[in-house]
C-alpha atoms as a PDB file:
ATOM      1  CA  GLU A   1       0.075   0.436  -0.053  1.00  0.00           C
ATOM      2  CA  ASN A   2       1.134   3.366  -0.612  1.00  0.00           C
ATOM      3  CA  PRO A   3       1.709   5.639   2.056  1.00  0.00           C
ATOM      4  CA  PRO A   4      -1.505   8.613   2.839  1.00  0.00           C
ATOM      5  CA  GLU A   5       0.347  11.177   1.658  1.00  0.00           C
ATOM      6  CA  LEU A   6       0.245  10.663  -1.756  1.00  0.00           C
ATOM      7  CA  ALA A   7      -3.538   9.667  -2.032  1.00  0.00           C
ATOM      8  CA  GLY A   8      -4.883  12.256  -4.414  1.00  0.00           C
ATOM      9  CA  VAL A   9      -1.446  12.441  -6.027  1.00  0.00           C
ATOM     10  CA  CYS A  10      -1.672  14.442  -9.692  1.00  0.00           C
ATOM     11  CA  ASP A  11       0.609  12.586 -11.201  1.00  0.00           C
ATOM     12  CA  LEU A  12       0.180   8.747 -10.490  1.00  0.00           C
ATOM     13  CA  SER A  13       4.127   7.949 -11.442  1.00  0.00           C
ATOM     14  CA  GLN A  14       5.507   9.792  -7.702  1.00  0.00           C
ATOM     15  CA  LEU A  15       4.041   6.392  -6.271  1.00  0.00           C
ATOM     16  CA  ILE A  16       5.624   4.059  -4.878  1.00  0.00           C
ATOM     17  CA  TYR A  17       3.437   0.788  -6.031  1.00  0.00           C
ATOM     18  CA  LEU A  18       1.736   1.074  -9.100  1.00  0.00           C
ATOM     19  CA  GLU A  19      -0.506  -1.872  -9.614  1.00  0.00           C
ATOM     20  CA  MET A  20      -3.642  -1.871 -11.194  1.00  0.00           C
ATOM     21  CA  PRO A  21      -5.578  -1.278  -7.421  1.00  0.00           C
ATOM     22  CA  HIS A  22      -3.600   1.495  -6.182  1.00  0.00           C
ATOM     23  CA  VAL A  23      -4.334   3.215  -9.422  1.00  0.00           C
ATOM     24  CA  LEU A  24      -8.063   2.455  -9.260  1.00  0.00           C
ATOM     25  CA  TYR A  25      -8.051   3.711  -5.463  1.00  0.00           C
ATOM     26  CA  ASN A  26      -6.337   6.836  -6.408  1.00  0.00           C
ATOM     27  CA  LEU A  27      -8.262   8.126  -9.111  1.00  0.00           C
ATOM     28  CA  LYS A  28     -11.113   7.235  -6.823  1.00  0.00           C
ATOM     29  CA  TYR A  29      -9.518   9.094  -4.069  1.00  0.00           C
ATOM     30  CA  ARG A  30      -8.845  12.296  -6.776  1.00  0.00           C
ATOM     31  CA  PHE A  31     -12.949  12.417  -7.417  1.00  0.00           C
ATOM     32  CA  SER A  32     -14.340  11.466  -4.418  1.00  0.00           C
ATOM     33  CA  SER A  33     -12.675  12.253  -1.592  1.00  0.00           C
ATOM     34  CA  MET A  34     -10.668  15.289  -2.583  1.00  0.00           C
ATOM     35  CA  LYS A  35     -12.501  19.140  -2.004  1.00  0.00           C
ATOM     36  CA  THR A  36     -12.664  19.807  -5.498  1.00  0.00           C
ATOM     37  CA  LYS A  37     -13.447  16.151  -8.213  1.00  0.00           C
ATOM     38  CA  PHE A  38     -10.874  15.640 -10.539  1.00  0.00           C
ATOM     39  CA  CYS A  39     -11.178  13.793 -13.295  1.00  0.00           C
ATOM     40  CA  TYR A  40      -8.043  14.092 -14.865  1.00  0.00           C
ATOM     41  CA  THR A  41      -4.847  11.936 -13.552  1.00  0.00           C
ATOM     42  CA  SER A  42      -1.585  11.225 -15.443  1.00  0.00           C
ATOM     43  CA  ILE A  43       1.128   9.308 -15.398  1.00  0.00           C
ATOM     44  CA  SER A  44       3.800  10.457 -16.608  1.00  0.00           C
ATOM     45  CA  SER A  45       2.984  12.221 -20.113  1.00  0.00           C
ATOM     46  CA  ILE A  46      -0.080  10.750 -20.399  1.00  0.00           C
ATOM     47  CA  LEU A  47      -3.864  11.474 -19.821  1.00  0.00           C
ATOM     48  CA  LEU A  48      -6.348   9.404 -18.079  1.00  0.00           C
ATOM     49  CA  ALA A  49      -9.373  10.876 -17.921  1.00  0.00           C
ATOM     50  CA  ILE A  50     -12.558   9.023 -16.243  1.00  0.00           C
ATOM     51  CA  ASN A  51     -16.680  10.231 -17.871  1.00  0.00           C
ATOM     52  CA  PRO A  52     -18.022  11.490 -14.526  1.00  0.00           C
ATOM     53  CA  TYR A  53     -21.016  11.584 -15.055  1.00  0.00           C
ATOM     54  CA  GLU A  54     -21.824  14.614 -13.974  1.00  0.00           C
ATOM     55  CA  THR A  55     -21.187  18.496 -15.367  1.00  0.00           C
ATOM     56  CA  LEU A  56     -18.593  19.472 -12.768  1.00  0.00           C
ATOM     57  CA  PRO A  57     -16.768  23.441 -12.964  1.00  0.00           C
ATOM     58  CA  ILE A  58     -13.555  23.090 -14.227  1.00  0.00           C
ATOM     59  CA  TYR A  59     -13.540  25.070 -17.320  1.00  0.00           C
ATOM     60  CA  GLY A  60     -15.015  28.407 -16.078  1.00  0.00           C
ATOM     61  CA  ASP A  61     -13.818  32.123 -17.167  1.00  0.00           C
ATOM     62  CA  ASP A  62     -11.021  31.792 -14.772  1.00  0.00           C
ATOM     63  CA  VAL A  63      -9.816  28.563 -16.787  1.00  0.00           C
ATOM     64  CA  ILE A  64     -10.090  29.611 -19.891  1.00  0.00           C
ATOM     65  CA  GLU A  65      -8.450  32.677 -19.926  1.00  0.00           C
ATOM     66  CA  GLN A  66      -5.153  30.462 -18.300  1.00  0.00           C
ATOM     67  CA  PHE A  67      -4.835  28.706 -20.895  1.00  0.00           C
ATOM     68  CA  LYS A  68      -5.296  31.627 -22.991  1.00  0.00           C
ATOM     69  CA  SER A  69      -2.775  33.790 -21.432  1.00  0.00           C
ATOM     70  CA  ALA A  70      -0.396  30.469 -21.478  1.00  0.00           C
ATOM     71  CA  ALA A  71      -0.930  29.697 -25.489  1.00  0.00           C
ATOM     72  CA  GLU A  72       0.328  33.636 -25.623  1.00  0.00           C
ATOM     73  CA  LYS A  73       3.239  32.774 -24.215  1.00  0.00           C
ATOM     74  CA  GLY A  74       3.382  29.541 -25.283  1.00  0.00           C
ATOM     75  CA  ARG A  75       3.215  27.537 -22.018  1.00  0.00           C
ATOM     76  CA  LEU A  76       1.972  24.942 -20.549  1.00  0.00           C
ATOM     77  CA  ILE A  77      -0.774  25.217 -17.677  1.00  0.00           C
ATOM     78  CA  PRO A  78       1.118  23.834 -14.131  1.00  0.00           C
ATOM     79  CA  ASP A  79      -0.790  20.961 -12.297  1.00  0.00           C
ATOM     80  CA  ARG A  80      -2.963  20.983 -15.507  1.00  0.00           C
ATOM     81  CA  PRO A  81      -3.058  17.446 -17.058  1.00  0.00           C
ATOM     82  CA  HIS A  82      -5.316  18.215 -19.931  1.00  0.00           C
END
């Protein structure tokens, strides 16, 4: 089992144990147990997305502006795998 401080990491390559039960636990934790529901997770440069079957407030005007500003500078937004 991974240490509790690794629960909910955004990049699964940070996990010590990367077997399927640990991956599924982390995905469930990120979506169900954190204050913000995260449907996107990564494993290094690979994006994992779960279908939440509900509308999430993840693409508001603030997020659109972050992406626009970053694109104008030719940069990626940190902590956003998508």
